[in-house]
Amino acid sequence: MAGRNRTADPCRMADLVGGFVERLGPVQAHCDSIEGALAGLLPPALRAHCRLGGVTGGSVKLVVDSASYMYELQLCKSELLMELQQLCPSARLRRIQVTMTG
């Protein structure tokens, strides 16, 4: 392999990266709309200790910084899920997972 000269095809790499970025667009839009919806749904005291950890396969991951806020979110997550489903129908949310920062 030492004798081979390899050249990179910049057009092909650009196409590859461009396609990847295009596929991320809808995911980013879902996260933005869910994050905005959460900001409107959660009370300010809870919002200060909670953040969106990600959205994958219809599952919203919420990350909290203490066990008491985790418990509070666990108690209301079914109602929160119903609200998010109404506000962000294109995200096709099915569940909320609450975790604590590690």
C-alpha atoms as a PDB file:
ATOM      1  CA  MET A   1       0.000   0.000   0.000  1.00  0.00           C
ATOM      2  CA  ALA A   2       2.976   2.317   0.421  1.00  0.00           C
ATOM      3  CA  GLY A   3       3.338   2.704  -3.361  1.00  0.00           C
ATOM      4  CA  ARG A   4      -0.257   3.759  -3.950  1.00  0.00           C
ATOM      5  CA  ASN A   5      -1.183   7.363  -4.403  1.00  0.00           C
ATOM      6  CA  ARG A   6      -4.619   8.117  -3.049  1.00  0.00           C
ATOM      7  CA  THR A   7      -6.511  11.206  -3.931  1.00  0.00           C
ATOM      8  CA  ALA A   8      -9.604  12.443  -2.228  1.00  0.00           C
ATOM      9  CA  ASP A   9     -12.569  13.355  -4.333  1.00  0.00           C
ATOM     10  CA  PRO A  10     -13.783  16.584  -2.668  1.00  0.00           C
ATOM     11  CA  CYS A  11     -17.074  16.613  -4.578  1.00  0.00           C
ATOM     12  CA  ARG A  12     -17.959  13.158  -3.395  1.00  0.00           C
ATOM     13  CA  MET A  13     -17.091  13.990   0.225  1.00  0.00           C
ATOM     14  CA  ALA A  14     -19.224  17.141   0.009  1.00  0.00           C
ATOM     15  CA  ASP A  15     -22.143  15.098  -1.298  1.00  0.00           C
ATOM     16  CA  LEU A  16     -21.716  12.622   1.527  1.00  0.00           C
ATOM     17  CA  VAL A  17     -21.599  15.304   4.228  1.00  0.00           C
ATOM     18  CA  GLY A  18     -24.448  17.233   2.606  1.00  0.00           C
ATOM     19  CA  GLY A  19     -26.678  14.159   2.616  1.00  0.00           C
ATOM     20  CA  PHE A  20     -25.912  13.561   6.283  1.00  0.00           C
ATOM     21  CA  VAL A  21     -26.772  17.138   7.202  1.00  0.00           C
ATOM     22  CA  GLU A  22     -30.024  16.961   5.218  1.00  0.00           C
ATOM     23  CA  ARG A  23     -31.063  13.844   7.134  1.00  0.00           C
ATOM     24  CA  LEU A  24     -30.401  15.633  10.431  1.00  0.00           C
ATOM     25  CA  GLY A  25     -32.692  18.532   9.495  1.00  0.00           C
ATOM     26  CA  PRO A  26     -36.005  16.919  10.505  1.00  0.00           C
ATOM     27  CA  VAL A  27     -34.493  15.544  13.730  1.00  0.00           C
ATOM     28  CA  GLN A  28     -33.196  18.993  14.664  1.00  0.00           C
ATOM     29  CA  ALA A  29     -36.582  20.534  13.861  1.00  0.00           C
ATOM     30  CA  HIS A  30     -38.300  18.008  16.164  1.00  0.00           C
ATOM     31  CA  CYS A  31     -35.859  18.747  18.979  1.00  0.00           C
ATOM     32  CA  ASP A  32     -36.353  22.498  18.584  1.00  0.00           C
ATOM     33  CA  SER A  33     -40.141  22.214  18.634  1.00  0.00           C
ATOM     34  CA  ILE A  34     -40.103  19.805  21.590  1.00  0.00           C
ATOM     35  CA  GLU A  35     -37.703  22.027  23.490  1.00  0.00           C
ATOM     36  CA  GLY A  36     -39.946  25.016  22.870  1.00  0.00           C
ATOM     37  CA  ALA A  37     -43.024  23.063  23.927  1.00  0.00           C
ATOM     38  CA  LEU A  38     -41.305  21.921  27.123  1.00  0.00           C
ATOM     39  CA  ALA A  39     -40.391  25.517  27.932  1.00  0.00           C
ATOM     40  CA  GLY A  40     -44.074  26.396  27.776  1.00  0.00           C
ATOM     41  CA  LEU A  41     -45.320  23.340  29.668  1.00  0.00           C
ATOM     42  CA  LEU A  42     -42.895  23.031  32.572  1.00  0.00           C
ATOM     43  CA  PRO A  43     -43.104  25.471  35.482  1.00  0.00           C
ATOM     44  CA  PRO A  44     -40.042  27.753  35.734  1.00  0.00           C
ATOM     45  CA  ALA A  45     -38.787  26.109  38.946  1.00  0.00           C
ATOM     46  CA  LEU A  46     -38.755  22.675  37.294  1.00  0.00           C
ATOM     47  CA  ARG A  47     -37.486  23.979  33.948  1.00  0.00           C
ATOM     48  CA  ALA A  48     -34.388  25.384  35.661  1.00  0.00           C
ATOM     49  CA  HIS A  49     -33.390  21.848  36.710  1.00  0.00           C
ATOM     50  CA  CYS A  50     -34.447  19.944  33.583  1.00  0.00           C
ATOM     51  CA  ARG A  51     -33.144  19.830  30.011  1.00  0.00           C
ATOM     52  CA  LEU A  52     -33.899  17.931  26.838  1.00  0.00           C
ATOM     53  CA  GLY A  53     -31.378  15.119  26.520  1.00  0.00           C
ATOM     54  CA  GLY A  54     -32.494  14.019  23.067  1.00  0.00           C
ATOM     55  CA  VAL A  55     -35.235  12.553  20.930  1.00  0.00           C
ATOM     56  CA  THR A  56     -34.765   9.089  19.461  1.00  0.00           C
ATOM     57  CA  GLY A  57     -37.313   6.776  17.896  1.00  0.00           C
ATOM     58  CA  GLY A  58     -40.313   8.489  19.463  1.00  0.00           C
ATOM     59  CA  SER A  59     -38.711   8.640  22.895  1.00  0.00           C
ATOM     60  CA  VAL A  60     -37.960  11.946  24.605  1.00  0.00           C
ATOM     61  CA  LYS A  61     -35.122  11.890  27.102  1.00  0.00           C
ATOM     62  CA  LEU A  62     -35.312  14.482  29.871  1.00  0.00           C
ATOM     63  CA  VAL A  63     -32.284  14.994  32.086  1.00  0.00           C
ATOM     64  CA  VAL A  64     -32.649  16.438  35.582  1.00  0.00           C
ATOM     65  CA  ASP A  65     -30.061  17.447  38.152  1.00  0.00           C
ATOM     66  CA  SER A  66     -31.554  15.967  41.320  1.00  0.00           C
ATOM     67  CA  ALA A  67     -33.668  13.057  42.498  1.00  0.00           C
ATOM     68  CA  SER A  68     -36.496  15.282  43.738  1.00  0.00           C
ATOM     69  CA  TYR A  69     -37.014  16.784  40.256  1.00  0.00           C
ATOM     70  CA  MET A  70     -36.738  13.343  38.711  1.00  0.00           C
ATOM     71  CA  TYR A  71     -39.511  12.131  41.000  1.00  0.00           C
ATOM     72  CA  GLU A  72     -41.662  15.153  40.178  1.00  0.00           C
ATOM     73  CA  LEU A  73     -41.283  14.523  36.432  1.00  0.00           C
ATOM     74  CA  GLN A  74     -42.004  10.815  36.877  1.00  0.00           C
ATOM     75  CA  LEU A  75     -45.324  11.728  38.502  1.00  0.00           C
ATOM     76  CA  CYS A  76     -46.466  13.949  35.639  1.00  0.00           C
ATOM     77  CA  LYS A  77     -44.773  12.378  32.618  1.00  0.00           C
ATOM     78  CA  SER A  78     -47.931  10.768  31.189  1.00  0.00           C
ATOM     79  CA  GLU A  79     -49.741  14.135  31.163  1.00  0.00           C
ATOM     80  CA  LEU A  80     -46.614  15.794  29.786  1.00  0.00           C
ATOM     81  CA  LEU A  81     -46.405  13.203  27.027  1.00  0.00           C
ATOM     82  CA  MET A  82     -50.023  13.815  26.013  1.00  0.00           C
ATOM     83  CA  GLU A  83     -49.385  17.560  25.833  1.00  0.00           C
ATOM     84  CA  LEU A  84     -46.205  17.094  23.798  1.00  0.00           C
ATOM     85  CA  GLN A  85     -48.009  14.736  21.412  1.00  0.00           C
ATOM     86  CA  GLN A  86     -50.619  17.423  20.778  1.00  0.00           C
ATOM     87  CA  LEU A  87     -48.100  20.252  20.405  1.00  0.00           C
ATOM     88  CA  CYS A  88     -45.578  18.298  18.290  1.00  0.00           C
ATOM     89  CA  PRO A  89     -47.556  15.677  16.335  1.00  0.00           C
ATOM     90  CA  SER A  90     -44.921  15.264  13.613  1.00  0.00           C
ATOM     91  CA  ALA A  91     -42.403  14.045  16.215  1.00  0.00           C
ATOM     92  CA  ARG A  92     -44.571  10.928  16.811  1.00  0.00           C
ATOM     93  CA  LEU A  93     -43.656  10.724  20.477  1.00  0.00           C
ATOM     94  CA  ARG A  94     -44.468   7.524  22.351  1.00  0.00           C
ATOM     95  CA  ARG A  95     -42.678   7.829  25.672  1.00  0.00           C
ATOM     96  CA  ILE A  96     -40.729  10.047  28.026  1.00  0.00           C
ATOM     97  CA  GLN A  97     -37.615   8.786  29.761  1.00  0.00           C
ATOM     98  CA  VAL A  98     -36.386  10.740  32.777  1.00  0.00           C
ATOM     99  CA  THR A  99     -32.741  10.372  33.833  1.00  0.00           C
ATOM    100  CA  MET A 100     -30.432  12.123  36.239  1.00  0.00           C
ATOM    101  CA  THR A 101     -27.110  13.698  35.329  1.00  0.00           C
ATOM    102  CA  GLY A 102     -24.242  11.486  36.246  1.00  0.00           C
END
